[in-house]
N, C-alpha and C. Protein backbone atom coordinates (compact mmCIF):
# COMPACT_ATOMS: atom_id res chain seq x y z
N MET A 1 0.84 -1.18 0.00
CA MET A 1 0.00 0.00 0.00
C MET A 1 0.88 1.24 0.00
N SER A 2 0.45 2.23 -0.72
CA SER A 2 1.24 3.45 -0.77
C SER A 2 1.11 4.26 0.50
N SER A 3 0.02 4.10 1.21
CA SER A 3 -0.13 4.70 2.53
C SER A 3 -0.92 3.70 3.37
N THR A 4 -1.20 4.06 4.59
CA THR A 4 -1.84 3.09 5.47
C THR A 4 -3.36 3.19 5.52
N SER A 5 -3.97 4.01 4.69
CA SER A 5 -5.43 4.10 4.72
C SER A 5 -6.06 2.84 4.15
N VAL A 6 -7.14 2.40 4.80
CA VAL A 6 -7.93 1.25 4.36
C VAL A 6 -9.39 1.68 4.37
N TYR A 7 -10.14 1.23 3.37
CA TYR A 7 -11.55 1.58 3.23
C TYR A 7 -12.36 0.32 3.05
N GLU A 8 -13.60 0.35 3.53
CA GLU A 8 -14.53 -0.72 3.20
C GLU A 8 -14.93 -0.52 1.74
N LEU A 9 -14.95 -1.60 0.96
CA LEU A 9 -15.36 -1.51 -0.43
C LEU A 9 -16.88 -1.41 -0.46
N ARG A 10 -17.36 -0.25 -0.90
CA ARG A 10 -18.80 0.02 -0.94
C ARG A 10 -19.16 0.60 -2.30
N GLY A 11 -20.43 0.49 -2.64
CA GLY A 11 -20.91 1.02 -3.89
C GLY A 11 -21.87 2.17 -3.67
N GLU A 12 -22.48 2.61 -4.75
CA GLU A 12 -23.49 3.66 -4.72
C GLU A 12 -24.77 3.10 -5.36
N PRO A 13 -25.49 2.23 -4.64
CA PRO A 13 -26.66 1.58 -5.25
C PRO A 13 -27.79 2.53 -5.61
N ASP A 14 -27.87 3.68 -4.96
CA ASP A 14 -28.92 4.64 -5.33
C ASP A 14 -28.66 5.25 -6.71
N LYS A 15 -27.41 5.52 -7.01
CA LYS A 15 -27.05 6.09 -8.32
C LYS A 15 -26.86 5.01 -9.38
N TYR A 16 -26.24 3.91 -8.99
CA TYR A 16 -25.88 2.82 -9.91
C TYR A 16 -26.37 1.50 -9.32
N PRO A 17 -27.66 1.18 -9.50
CA PRO A 17 -28.21 -0.02 -8.85
C PRO A 17 -27.63 -1.33 -9.36
N GLY A 18 -27.11 -1.36 -10.55
CA GLY A 18 -26.42 -2.55 -11.02
C GLY A 18 -27.33 -3.73 -11.31
N PHE A 19 -26.96 -4.88 -10.73
CA PHE A 19 -27.59 -6.14 -11.09
C PHE A 19 -28.12 -6.88 -9.87
N LEU A 20 -29.03 -7.80 -10.15
CA LEU A 20 -29.52 -8.76 -9.16
C LEU A 20 -29.39 -10.15 -9.77
N GLN A 21 -29.18 -11.14 -8.93
CA GLN A 21 -29.12 -12.51 -9.40
C GLN A 21 -30.52 -13.00 -9.76
N VAL A 22 -30.63 -13.71 -10.87
CA VAL A 22 -31.88 -14.33 -11.29
C VAL A 22 -31.85 -15.78 -10.81
N PHE A 23 -32.87 -16.16 -10.06
CA PHE A 23 -32.94 -17.52 -9.54
C PHE A 23 -33.77 -18.41 -10.46
N THR A 24 -33.53 -19.70 -10.38
CA THR A 24 -34.24 -20.67 -11.21
C THR A 24 -35.74 -20.56 -11.02
N LYS A 25 -36.18 -20.41 -9.77
CA LYS A 25 -37.60 -20.28 -9.47
C LYS A 25 -37.91 -18.82 -9.17
N ASP A 26 -39.01 -18.34 -9.78
CA ASP A 26 -39.42 -16.96 -9.55
C ASP A 26 -40.87 -16.96 -9.11
N PRO A 27 -41.19 -16.57 -7.89
CA PRO A 27 -40.27 -16.04 -6.88
C PRO A 27 -39.42 -17.16 -6.27
N PRO A 28 -38.25 -16.80 -5.72
CA PRO A 28 -37.40 -17.81 -5.10
C PRO A 28 -38.13 -18.55 -3.98
N ASP A 29 -37.85 -19.85 -3.86
CA ASP A 29 -38.45 -20.63 -2.78
C ASP A 29 -37.42 -20.86 -1.69
N LYS A 30 -37.77 -21.70 -0.70
CA LYS A 30 -36.88 -21.91 0.45
C LYS A 30 -35.56 -22.59 0.09
N ASP A 31 -35.50 -23.26 -1.05
CA ASP A 31 -34.25 -23.91 -1.47
C ASP A 31 -33.40 -23.05 -2.40
N SER A 32 -33.90 -21.88 -2.79
CA SER A 32 -33.16 -21.02 -3.72
C SER A 32 -31.86 -20.50 -3.12
N TRP A 33 -31.73 -20.49 -1.80
CA TRP A 33 -30.50 -20.01 -1.18
C TRP A 33 -29.30 -20.81 -1.65
N LYS A 34 -29.53 -22.07 -2.08
CA LYS A 34 -28.42 -22.92 -2.56
C LYS A 34 -27.81 -22.36 -3.83
N GLU A 35 -28.59 -21.57 -4.58
CA GLU A 35 -28.10 -20.95 -5.81
C GLU A 35 -27.43 -19.60 -5.54
N ASP A 36 -27.72 -18.99 -4.42
CA ASP A 36 -27.28 -17.63 -4.14
C ASP A 36 -25.76 -17.53 -4.22
N ILE A 37 -25.26 -16.74 -5.17
CA ILE A 37 -23.82 -16.65 -5.39
C ILE A 37 -23.09 -16.01 -4.22
N GLY A 38 -23.75 -15.11 -3.50
CA GLY A 38 -23.13 -14.53 -2.31
C GLY A 38 -22.92 -15.58 -1.24
N ILE A 39 -23.95 -16.38 -0.98
CA ILE A 39 -23.84 -17.45 0.03
C ILE A 39 -22.83 -18.49 -0.41
N ARG A 40 -22.87 -18.86 -1.68
CA ARG A 40 -21.90 -19.85 -2.17
C ARG A 40 -20.48 -19.33 -2.06
N SER A 41 -20.28 -18.04 -2.30
CA SER A 41 -18.94 -17.45 -2.17
C SER A 41 -18.46 -17.52 -0.73
N ILE A 42 -19.35 -17.28 0.21
CA ILE A 42 -18.99 -17.38 1.63
C ILE A 42 -18.62 -18.82 1.97
N GLU A 43 -19.43 -19.77 1.50
CA GLU A 43 -19.16 -21.19 1.80
C GLU A 43 -17.82 -21.64 1.22
N PHE A 44 -17.47 -21.17 0.03
CA PHE A 44 -16.20 -21.57 -0.58
C PHE A 44 -15.01 -20.89 0.09
N GLY A 45 -15.24 -19.75 0.73
CA GLY A 45 -14.16 -19.06 1.43
C GLY A 45 -12.99 -18.74 0.52
N ALA A 46 -11.81 -19.20 0.91
CA ALA A 46 -10.60 -18.92 0.15
C ALA A 46 -10.37 -19.90 -0.99
N GLU A 47 -11.23 -20.91 -1.12
CA GLU A 47 -11.09 -21.88 -2.20
C GLU A 47 -11.73 -21.35 -3.48
N PRO A 48 -11.06 -21.51 -4.63
CA PRO A 48 -11.69 -21.07 -5.87
C PRO A 48 -12.84 -21.99 -6.25
N PHE A 49 -13.79 -21.45 -7.01
CA PHE A 49 -14.84 -22.29 -7.57
C PHE A 49 -14.19 -23.26 -8.54
N GLY A 50 -14.73 -24.43 -8.67
CA GLY A 50 -14.16 -25.44 -9.56
C GLY A 50 -14.70 -25.35 -10.97
N ALA A 51 -14.42 -26.38 -11.74
CA ALA A 51 -14.82 -26.45 -13.14
C ALA A 51 -16.33 -26.53 -13.31
N ASP A 52 -17.05 -26.87 -12.24
CA ASP A 52 -18.51 -26.99 -12.35
C ASP A 52 -19.22 -25.65 -12.14
N TYR A 53 -18.47 -24.57 -12.01
CA TYR A 53 -19.08 -23.24 -11.88
C TYR A 53 -19.82 -22.91 -13.16
N ALA A 54 -21.05 -22.46 -13.02
CA ALA A 54 -21.85 -22.00 -14.17
C ALA A 54 -22.05 -20.49 -14.02
N PRO A 55 -21.97 -19.74 -15.12
CA PRO A 55 -22.14 -18.29 -15.02
C PRO A 55 -23.46 -17.92 -14.35
N VAL A 56 -23.37 -16.98 -13.44
CA VAL A 56 -24.54 -16.50 -12.70
C VAL A 56 -25.41 -15.69 -13.65
N GLN A 57 -26.71 -15.97 -13.63
CA GLN A 57 -27.67 -15.21 -14.43
C GLN A 57 -27.99 -13.90 -13.71
N LEU A 58 -27.89 -12.79 -14.41
CA LEU A 58 -28.13 -11.48 -13.82
C LEU A 58 -29.24 -10.74 -14.56
N ALA A 59 -29.93 -9.89 -13.83
CA ALA A 59 -30.90 -8.97 -14.40
C ALA A 59 -30.56 -7.58 -13.88
N LEU A 60 -30.89 -6.56 -14.65
CA LEU A 60 -30.67 -5.20 -14.18
C LEU A 60 -31.60 -4.91 -13.01
N ASN A 61 -31.07 -4.26 -12.01
CA ASN A 61 -31.85 -3.88 -10.84
C ASN A 61 -32.50 -2.53 -11.14
N ASN A 62 -33.59 -2.58 -11.90
CA ASN A 62 -34.20 -1.32 -12.32
C ASN A 62 -35.61 -1.13 -11.78
N GLU A 63 -35.98 -1.90 -10.80
CA GLU A 63 -37.32 -1.77 -10.23
C GLU A 63 -37.54 -0.38 -9.64
N GLY A 64 -38.59 0.27 -10.09
CA GLY A 64 -38.94 1.59 -9.56
C GLY A 64 -38.02 2.70 -10.00
N ARG A 65 -37.24 2.50 -11.06
CA ARG A 65 -36.29 3.52 -11.49
C ARG A 65 -36.68 4.06 -12.86
N ARG A 66 -36.47 5.35 -13.05
CA ARG A 66 -36.76 5.96 -14.34
C ARG A 66 -35.79 5.49 -15.40
N LYS A 67 -34.51 5.55 -15.06
CA LYS A 67 -33.50 5.06 -15.98
C LYS A 67 -33.46 3.55 -15.85
N LYS A 68 -33.62 2.87 -16.95
CA LYS A 68 -33.72 1.41 -16.91
C LYS A 68 -32.37 0.71 -16.80
N ASP A 69 -31.38 1.21 -17.51
CA ASP A 69 -30.10 0.50 -17.60
C ASP A 69 -29.00 1.28 -16.88
N VAL A 70 -29.03 1.27 -15.56
CA VAL A 70 -28.06 2.04 -14.80
C VAL A 70 -27.13 1.09 -14.05
N ALA A 71 -26.00 0.82 -14.67
CA ALA A 71 -25.00 -0.02 -14.04
C ALA A 71 -23.68 0.74 -14.08
N GLY A 72 -23.06 0.91 -12.93
CA GLY A 72 -21.77 1.58 -12.87
C GLY A 72 -20.66 0.59 -13.17
N ASP A 73 -19.50 0.87 -12.64
CA ASP A 73 -18.34 0.01 -12.87
C ASP A 73 -18.18 -1.04 -11.77
N ILE A 74 -19.06 -1.01 -10.76
CA ILE A 74 -19.02 -2.00 -9.69
C ILE A 74 -20.45 -2.24 -9.21
N CYS A 75 -20.72 -3.48 -8.85
CA CYS A 75 -22.01 -3.84 -8.25
C CYS A 75 -21.71 -4.78 -7.08
N LEU A 76 -22.21 -4.41 -5.91
CA LEU A 76 -21.95 -5.18 -4.69
C LEU A 76 -23.22 -5.80 -4.10
N SER A 77 -24.26 -5.93 -4.89
CA SER A 77 -25.53 -6.45 -4.37
C SER A 77 -25.46 -7.93 -3.99
N MET A 78 -24.39 -8.63 -4.40
CA MET A 78 -24.23 -10.06 -4.09
C MET A 78 -22.97 -10.32 -3.26
N LYS A 79 -22.56 -9.34 -2.48
CA LYS A 79 -21.32 -9.45 -1.69
C LYS A 79 -21.28 -10.75 -0.90
N PRO A 80 -20.12 -11.37 -0.88
CA PRO A 80 -18.79 -10.93 -1.31
C PRO A 80 -18.48 -11.17 -2.78
N PHE A 81 -19.46 -11.61 -3.57
CA PHE A 81 -19.31 -11.73 -5.02
C PHE A 81 -19.53 -10.34 -5.60
N VAL A 82 -18.57 -9.87 -6.38
CA VAL A 82 -18.60 -8.50 -6.90
C VAL A 82 -18.69 -8.57 -8.42
N ILE A 83 -19.44 -7.64 -9.00
CA ILE A 83 -19.49 -7.51 -10.45
C ILE A 83 -18.71 -6.24 -10.82
N PHE A 84 -17.73 -6.41 -11.72
CA PHE A 84 -16.95 -5.28 -12.21
C PHE A 84 -17.18 -5.11 -13.71
N SER A 85 -17.10 -3.88 -14.17
CA SER A 85 -17.14 -3.61 -15.62
C SER A 85 -15.78 -3.93 -16.20
N ASP A 86 -15.76 -4.12 -17.53
CA ASP A 86 -14.48 -4.33 -18.21
C ASP A 86 -13.53 -3.16 -17.97
N LYS A 87 -14.09 -1.94 -17.94
CA LYS A 87 -13.27 -0.75 -17.69
C LYS A 87 -12.60 -0.84 -16.32
N ALA A 88 -13.36 -1.28 -15.31
CA ALA A 88 -12.79 -1.42 -13.96
C ALA A 88 -11.72 -2.50 -13.92
N ILE A 89 -11.95 -3.59 -14.63
CA ILE A 89 -10.96 -4.67 -14.66
C ILE A 89 -9.65 -4.15 -15.26
N ARG A 90 -9.75 -3.42 -16.35
CA ARG A 90 -8.53 -2.88 -16.97
C ARG A 90 -7.79 -1.95 -16.01
N ALA A 91 -8.52 -1.12 -15.29
CA ALA A 91 -7.90 -0.15 -14.39
C ALA A 91 -7.36 -0.78 -13.11
N LEU A 92 -7.98 -1.87 -12.67
CA LEU A 92 -7.67 -2.45 -11.35
C LEU A 92 -7.04 -3.83 -11.40
N ASP A 93 -6.73 -4.32 -12.59
CA ASP A 93 -6.24 -5.69 -12.72
C ASP A 93 -5.01 -5.98 -11.87
N ALA A 94 -4.11 -5.02 -11.75
CA ALA A 94 -2.90 -5.24 -10.95
C ALA A 94 -3.23 -5.54 -9.49
N PHE A 95 -4.36 -5.05 -9.00
CA PHE A 95 -4.81 -5.33 -7.63
C PHE A 95 -5.66 -6.59 -7.57
N LEU A 96 -6.53 -6.76 -8.56
CA LEU A 96 -7.52 -7.84 -8.52
C LEU A 96 -6.94 -9.21 -8.84
N SER A 97 -6.15 -9.32 -9.90
CA SER A 97 -5.66 -10.64 -10.32
C SER A 97 -4.91 -11.40 -9.23
N PRO A 98 -3.99 -10.76 -8.49
CA PRO A 98 -3.26 -11.52 -7.48
C PRO A 98 -4.12 -11.92 -6.26
N ALA A 99 -5.27 -11.27 -6.07
CA ALA A 99 -6.04 -11.46 -4.84
C ALA A 99 -7.29 -12.30 -4.99
N GLY A 100 -7.66 -12.68 -6.21
CA GLY A 100 -8.91 -13.39 -6.35
C GLY A 100 -9.08 -14.07 -7.68
N GLU A 101 -10.34 -14.39 -7.99
CA GLU A 101 -10.64 -15.07 -9.25
C GLU A 101 -11.75 -14.34 -9.98
N PHE A 102 -11.63 -14.32 -11.31
CA PHE A 102 -12.66 -13.75 -12.18
C PHE A 102 -13.57 -14.88 -12.62
N LEU A 103 -14.88 -14.60 -12.66
CA LEU A 103 -15.87 -15.61 -13.02
C LEU A 103 -16.87 -15.01 -14.00
N ALA A 104 -17.20 -15.77 -15.02
CA ALA A 104 -18.14 -15.30 -16.03
C ALA A 104 -19.52 -15.10 -15.40
N VAL A 105 -20.23 -14.11 -15.91
CA VAL A 105 -21.61 -13.87 -15.52
C VAL A 105 -22.44 -13.71 -16.80
N ALA A 106 -23.71 -14.03 -16.71
CA ALA A 106 -24.63 -13.83 -17.83
C ALA A 106 -25.42 -12.57 -17.56
N ALA A 107 -24.82 -11.44 -17.93
CA ALA A 107 -25.43 -10.13 -17.68
C ALA A 107 -26.28 -9.72 -18.88
N PRO A 108 -27.33 -8.93 -18.64
CA PRO A 108 -28.19 -8.50 -19.74
C PRO A 108 -27.55 -7.44 -20.64
N VAL A 109 -26.43 -6.91 -20.22
CA VAL A 109 -25.64 -5.99 -21.03
C VAL A 109 -24.21 -6.50 -21.05
N PRO A 110 -23.51 -6.33 -22.17
CA PRO A 110 -22.13 -6.85 -22.24
C PRO A 110 -21.16 -6.03 -21.41
N GLY A 111 -20.00 -6.62 -21.15
CA GLY A 111 -18.91 -5.87 -20.53
C GLY A 111 -18.81 -5.97 -19.03
N TYR A 112 -19.33 -7.07 -18.43
CA TYR A 112 -19.25 -7.25 -16.98
C TYR A 112 -18.75 -8.65 -16.65
N ILE A 113 -18.05 -8.75 -15.52
CA ILE A 113 -17.52 -10.03 -15.08
C ILE A 113 -17.61 -10.10 -13.55
N GLY A 114 -17.77 -11.31 -13.04
CA GLY A 114 -17.82 -11.53 -11.60
C GLY A 114 -16.43 -11.66 -11.03
N TYR A 115 -16.32 -11.42 -9.73
CA TYR A 115 -15.01 -11.48 -9.06
C TYR A 115 -15.21 -11.90 -7.62
N ARG A 116 -14.31 -12.75 -7.15
CA ARG A 116 -14.29 -13.16 -5.74
C ARG A 116 -12.90 -12.93 -5.18
N VAL A 117 -12.82 -12.26 -4.04
CA VAL A 117 -11.56 -12.15 -3.31
C VAL A 117 -11.31 -13.50 -2.64
N LEU A 118 -10.13 -14.06 -2.84
CA LEU A 118 -9.81 -15.35 -2.22
C LEU A 118 -9.02 -15.17 -0.93
N GLY A 119 -8.26 -14.10 -0.84
CA GLY A 119 -7.45 -13.88 0.36
C GLY A 119 -8.29 -13.47 1.55
N ARG A 120 -8.17 -14.19 2.63
CA ARG A 120 -8.87 -13.88 3.87
C ARG A 120 -7.81 -13.62 4.94
N GLN A 121 -7.80 -12.40 5.45
CA GLN A 121 -6.82 -12.05 6.47
C GLN A 121 -7.35 -12.50 7.84
N GLU A 122 -6.54 -13.24 8.54
CA GLU A 122 -6.91 -13.78 9.86
C GLU A 122 -6.44 -12.84 10.96
N GLY A 123 -7.26 -12.65 11.96
CA GLY A 123 -6.86 -11.91 13.15
C GLY A 123 -6.52 -10.45 12.93
N CYS A 124 -7.07 -9.83 11.90
CA CYS A 124 -6.73 -8.43 11.64
C CYS A 124 -7.75 -7.47 12.23
N VAL A 125 -8.90 -7.97 12.67
CA VAL A 125 -9.95 -7.11 13.20
C VAL A 125 -9.79 -6.96 14.71
N ASP A 126 -9.77 -5.74 15.18
CA ASP A 126 -9.75 -5.45 16.62
C ASP A 126 -11.21 -5.34 17.06
N LEU A 127 -11.76 -6.43 17.57
CA LEU A 127 -13.18 -6.45 17.92
C LEU A 127 -13.50 -5.52 19.09
N GLU A 128 -12.54 -5.27 19.96
CA GLU A 128 -12.79 -4.36 21.09
C GLU A 128 -13.05 -2.93 20.62
N ARG A 129 -12.44 -2.55 19.50
CA ARG A 129 -12.61 -1.19 18.98
C ARG A 129 -13.60 -1.11 17.82
N SER A 130 -14.09 -2.25 17.35
CA SER A 130 -15.03 -2.28 16.23
C SER A 130 -16.46 -2.27 16.73
N VAL A 131 -17.36 -1.82 15.87
CA VAL A 131 -18.80 -1.92 16.13
C VAL A 131 -19.30 -3.03 15.22
N TYR A 132 -19.95 -4.04 15.81
CA TYR A 132 -20.36 -5.19 15.01
C TYR A 132 -21.54 -5.91 15.65
N GLU A 133 -22.14 -6.79 14.85
CA GLU A 133 -23.16 -7.71 15.32
C GLU A 133 -22.62 -9.11 15.12
N GLN A 134 -22.86 -9.99 16.09
CA GLN A 134 -22.35 -11.35 15.99
C GLN A 134 -23.49 -12.34 15.81
N ALA A 135 -23.34 -13.23 14.83
CA ALA A 135 -24.34 -14.27 14.57
C ALA A 135 -24.09 -15.47 15.47
N ASP A 136 -25.05 -16.38 15.52
CA ASP A 136 -24.92 -17.59 16.34
C ASP A 136 -23.72 -18.44 15.93
N ASN A 137 -23.34 -18.39 14.64
CA ASN A 137 -22.21 -19.20 14.18
C ASN A 137 -20.85 -18.57 14.48
N GLY A 138 -20.85 -17.42 15.15
CA GLY A 138 -19.60 -16.76 15.52
C GLY A 138 -19.13 -15.71 14.53
N LYS A 139 -19.68 -15.71 13.32
CA LYS A 139 -19.29 -14.72 12.32
C LYS A 139 -19.87 -13.37 12.72
N VAL A 140 -19.20 -12.31 12.29
CA VAL A 140 -19.65 -10.98 12.65
C VAL A 140 -19.95 -10.15 11.41
N MET A 141 -20.84 -9.20 11.56
CA MET A 141 -21.08 -8.20 10.53
C MET A 141 -20.53 -6.90 11.09
N LEU A 142 -19.45 -6.46 10.49
CA LEU A 142 -18.79 -5.25 10.97
C LEU A 142 -19.57 -4.02 10.52
N ARG A 143 -19.98 -3.22 11.46
CA ARG A 143 -20.65 -1.95 11.16
C ARG A 143 -19.63 -0.83 11.03
N LYS A 144 -18.64 -0.86 11.90
CA LYS A 144 -17.54 0.11 11.88
C LYS A 144 -16.30 -0.65 12.33
N ALA A 145 -15.43 -0.91 11.36
CA ALA A 145 -14.28 -1.78 11.62
C ALA A 145 -13.08 -1.01 12.17
N ALA A 146 -12.36 -1.68 13.03
CA ALA A 146 -11.02 -1.25 13.46
C ALA A 146 -10.10 -2.44 13.19
N MET A 147 -8.97 -2.19 12.57
CA MET A 147 -8.06 -3.28 12.18
C MET A 147 -6.64 -2.97 12.62
N TYR A 148 -5.89 -4.05 12.77
CA TYR A 148 -4.49 -3.93 13.12
C TYR A 148 -3.70 -3.59 11.85
N GLU A 149 -3.10 -2.42 11.84
CA GLU A 149 -2.40 -1.94 10.66
C GLU A 149 -1.34 -2.92 10.16
N ALA A 150 -0.58 -3.51 11.07
CA ALA A 150 0.48 -4.43 10.68
C ALA A 150 -0.06 -5.66 9.94
N LYS A 151 -1.29 -6.05 10.22
CA LYS A 151 -1.88 -7.25 9.60
C LYS A 151 -2.47 -6.97 8.22
N VAL A 152 -2.83 -5.72 7.93
CA VAL A 152 -3.45 -5.41 6.64
C VAL A 152 -2.51 -4.67 5.68
N ARG A 153 -1.39 -4.22 6.20
CA ARG A 153 -0.42 -3.52 5.36
C ARG A 153 0.03 -4.45 4.22
N GLY A 154 0.08 -3.91 3.02
CA GLY A 154 0.53 -4.69 1.87
C GLY A 154 -0.59 -5.40 1.13
N HIS A 155 -1.81 -5.29 1.59
CA HIS A 155 -2.95 -5.93 0.92
C HIS A 155 -3.82 -4.83 0.30
N ASP A 156 -3.99 -4.90 -1.01
CA ASP A 156 -4.75 -3.85 -1.70
C ASP A 156 -6.24 -4.14 -1.79
N ILE A 157 -6.62 -5.41 -1.79
CA ILE A 157 -8.03 -5.79 -1.69
C ILE A 157 -8.06 -7.11 -0.92
N PHE A 158 -8.90 -7.16 0.10
CA PHE A 158 -8.92 -8.35 0.94
C PHE A 158 -10.23 -8.49 1.68
N ALA A 159 -10.46 -9.71 2.14
CA ALA A 159 -11.59 -10.02 3.01
C ALA A 159 -11.01 -10.36 4.37
N VAL A 160 -11.87 -10.34 5.39
CA VAL A 160 -11.41 -10.72 6.72
C VAL A 160 -12.16 -11.97 7.15
N ALA A 161 -11.48 -12.86 7.82
CA ALA A 161 -12.06 -14.13 8.22
C ALA A 161 -13.24 -13.95 9.16
N GLU A 162 -13.20 -12.90 9.99
CA GLU A 162 -14.24 -12.70 10.99
C GLU A 162 -15.58 -12.26 10.40
N SER A 163 -15.58 -11.63 9.25
CA SER A 163 -16.79 -11.05 8.67
C SER A 163 -16.90 -11.47 7.20
N PRO A 164 -17.70 -12.49 6.89
CA PRO A 164 -17.66 -13.10 5.57
C PRO A 164 -18.08 -12.22 4.39
N THR A 165 -18.84 -11.16 4.60
CA THR A 165 -19.24 -10.34 3.46
C THR A 165 -18.44 -9.06 3.32
N GLY A 166 -17.59 -8.75 4.28
CA GLY A 166 -16.81 -7.52 4.22
C GLY A 166 -15.64 -7.61 3.26
N LEU A 167 -15.47 -6.57 2.45
CA LEU A 167 -14.33 -6.45 1.54
C LEU A 167 -13.68 -5.10 1.79
N TYR A 168 -12.34 -5.08 1.75
CA TYR A 168 -11.60 -3.88 2.11
C TYR A 168 -10.52 -3.60 1.08
N ILE A 169 -10.21 -2.32 0.91
CA ILE A 169 -9.23 -1.91 -0.10
C ILE A 169 -8.25 -0.89 0.49
N SER A 170 -7.13 -0.78 -0.20
CA SER A 170 -6.07 0.14 0.22
C SER A 170 -6.25 1.52 -0.41
N GLU A 171 -5.45 2.44 0.06
CA GLU A 171 -5.40 3.79 -0.51
C GLU A 171 -4.97 3.72 -1.98
N ALA A 172 -4.03 2.85 -2.32
CA ALA A 172 -3.57 2.72 -3.70
C ALA A 172 -4.72 2.26 -4.61
N PHE A 173 -5.55 1.35 -4.14
CA PHE A 173 -6.71 0.90 -4.89
C PHE A 173 -7.67 2.06 -5.11
N ARG A 174 -7.95 2.81 -4.05
CA ARG A 174 -8.84 3.98 -4.15
C ARG A 174 -8.32 4.97 -5.18
N GLN A 175 -7.03 5.25 -5.14
CA GLN A 175 -6.43 6.20 -6.07
C GLN A 175 -6.56 5.72 -7.51
N ALA A 176 -6.41 4.41 -7.73
CA ALA A 176 -6.54 3.85 -9.09
C ALA A 176 -7.98 3.99 -9.59
N VAL A 177 -8.96 3.80 -8.70
CA VAL A 177 -10.36 3.99 -9.06
C VAL A 177 -10.60 5.43 -9.48
N GLU A 178 -10.11 6.35 -8.69
CA GLU A 178 -10.33 7.77 -8.98
C GLU A 178 -9.58 8.21 -10.24
N ALA A 179 -8.37 7.71 -10.45
CA ALA A 179 -7.60 8.08 -11.64
C ALA A 179 -8.30 7.60 -12.91
N ALA A 180 -8.97 6.45 -12.85
CA ALA A 180 -9.68 5.90 -14.01
C ALA A 180 -11.09 6.45 -14.15
N LYS A 181 -11.51 7.28 -13.19
CA LYS A 181 -12.85 7.87 -13.18
C LYS A 181 -13.94 6.79 -13.25
N LEU A 182 -13.76 5.75 -12.43
CA LEU A 182 -14.74 4.66 -12.38
C LEU A 182 -15.97 5.11 -11.61
N LYS A 183 -17.13 4.64 -12.03
CA LYS A 183 -18.39 5.06 -11.44
C LYS A 183 -18.95 3.99 -10.51
N GLY A 184 -19.57 4.45 -9.42
CA GLY A 184 -20.27 3.55 -8.53
C GLY A 184 -19.53 3.17 -7.27
N PHE A 185 -18.32 3.65 -7.08
CA PHE A 185 -17.53 3.34 -5.87
C PHE A 185 -17.81 4.40 -4.81
N ASN A 186 -17.78 3.96 -3.55
CA ASN A 186 -18.01 4.86 -2.42
C ASN A 186 -16.90 4.61 -1.40
N PHE A 187 -16.14 5.64 -1.08
CA PHE A 187 -15.03 5.51 -0.14
C PHE A 187 -15.28 6.26 1.16
N SER A 188 -16.54 6.36 1.54
CA SER A 188 -16.88 7.15 2.72
C SER A 188 -16.61 6.43 4.03
N ARG A 189 -16.39 5.14 3.99
CA ARG A 189 -16.19 4.40 5.24
C ARG A 189 -14.74 3.97 5.37
N GLU A 190 -13.94 4.84 5.98
CA GLU A 190 -12.54 4.53 6.23
C GLU A 190 -12.43 3.69 7.50
N VAL A 191 -11.53 2.73 7.47
CA VAL A 191 -11.33 1.82 8.58
C VAL A 191 -10.34 2.43 9.56
N ALA A 192 -10.66 2.36 10.85
CA ALA A 192 -9.71 2.82 11.88
C ALA A 192 -8.59 1.79 11.98
N LEU A 193 -7.36 2.26 11.95
CA LEU A 193 -6.21 1.37 12.06
C LEU A 193 -5.53 1.58 13.41
N VAL A 194 -5.19 0.47 14.04
CA VAL A 194 -4.55 0.54 15.37
C VAL A 194 -3.22 -0.17 15.34
């Protein structure tokens, strides 16, 4: 990292609603969770999807919107599975390729690809200084994260073992997004480093 700032990777769903996963059954039933790419990404953790991965079917999230086709350069509606535009991939490939895997998606508009961060940093969250909710399985949803600087230094995009849907980026990643003028990113939630 060029500096020690870390941010939660967030989008701007009000401006750029992006995509939603299309399930086999509409409306989804009680077994549809098995198809949910976000849940499957959590279950796979740091392991890549295998050869049996099938591209996720996507629809534009345009319900109740005047503009029908509003997709920015990032979509986080299926976190920790992320959808990036081709433009974002070109601008951020140096950060993304070493840290995760790219996965095909069946989007209603061309130029988008799925991405999963594979690196999970262990023991980097300072739970005493963080604001979070804890589930029965021990996993946490970080509302306001505090992390140990020494544990996250050198990682430009990463997930944390304690919080399965949280994704975090470095200052260098943020600067690359801004230099490429990518749309749909939100850097308002900076992580406290201790």
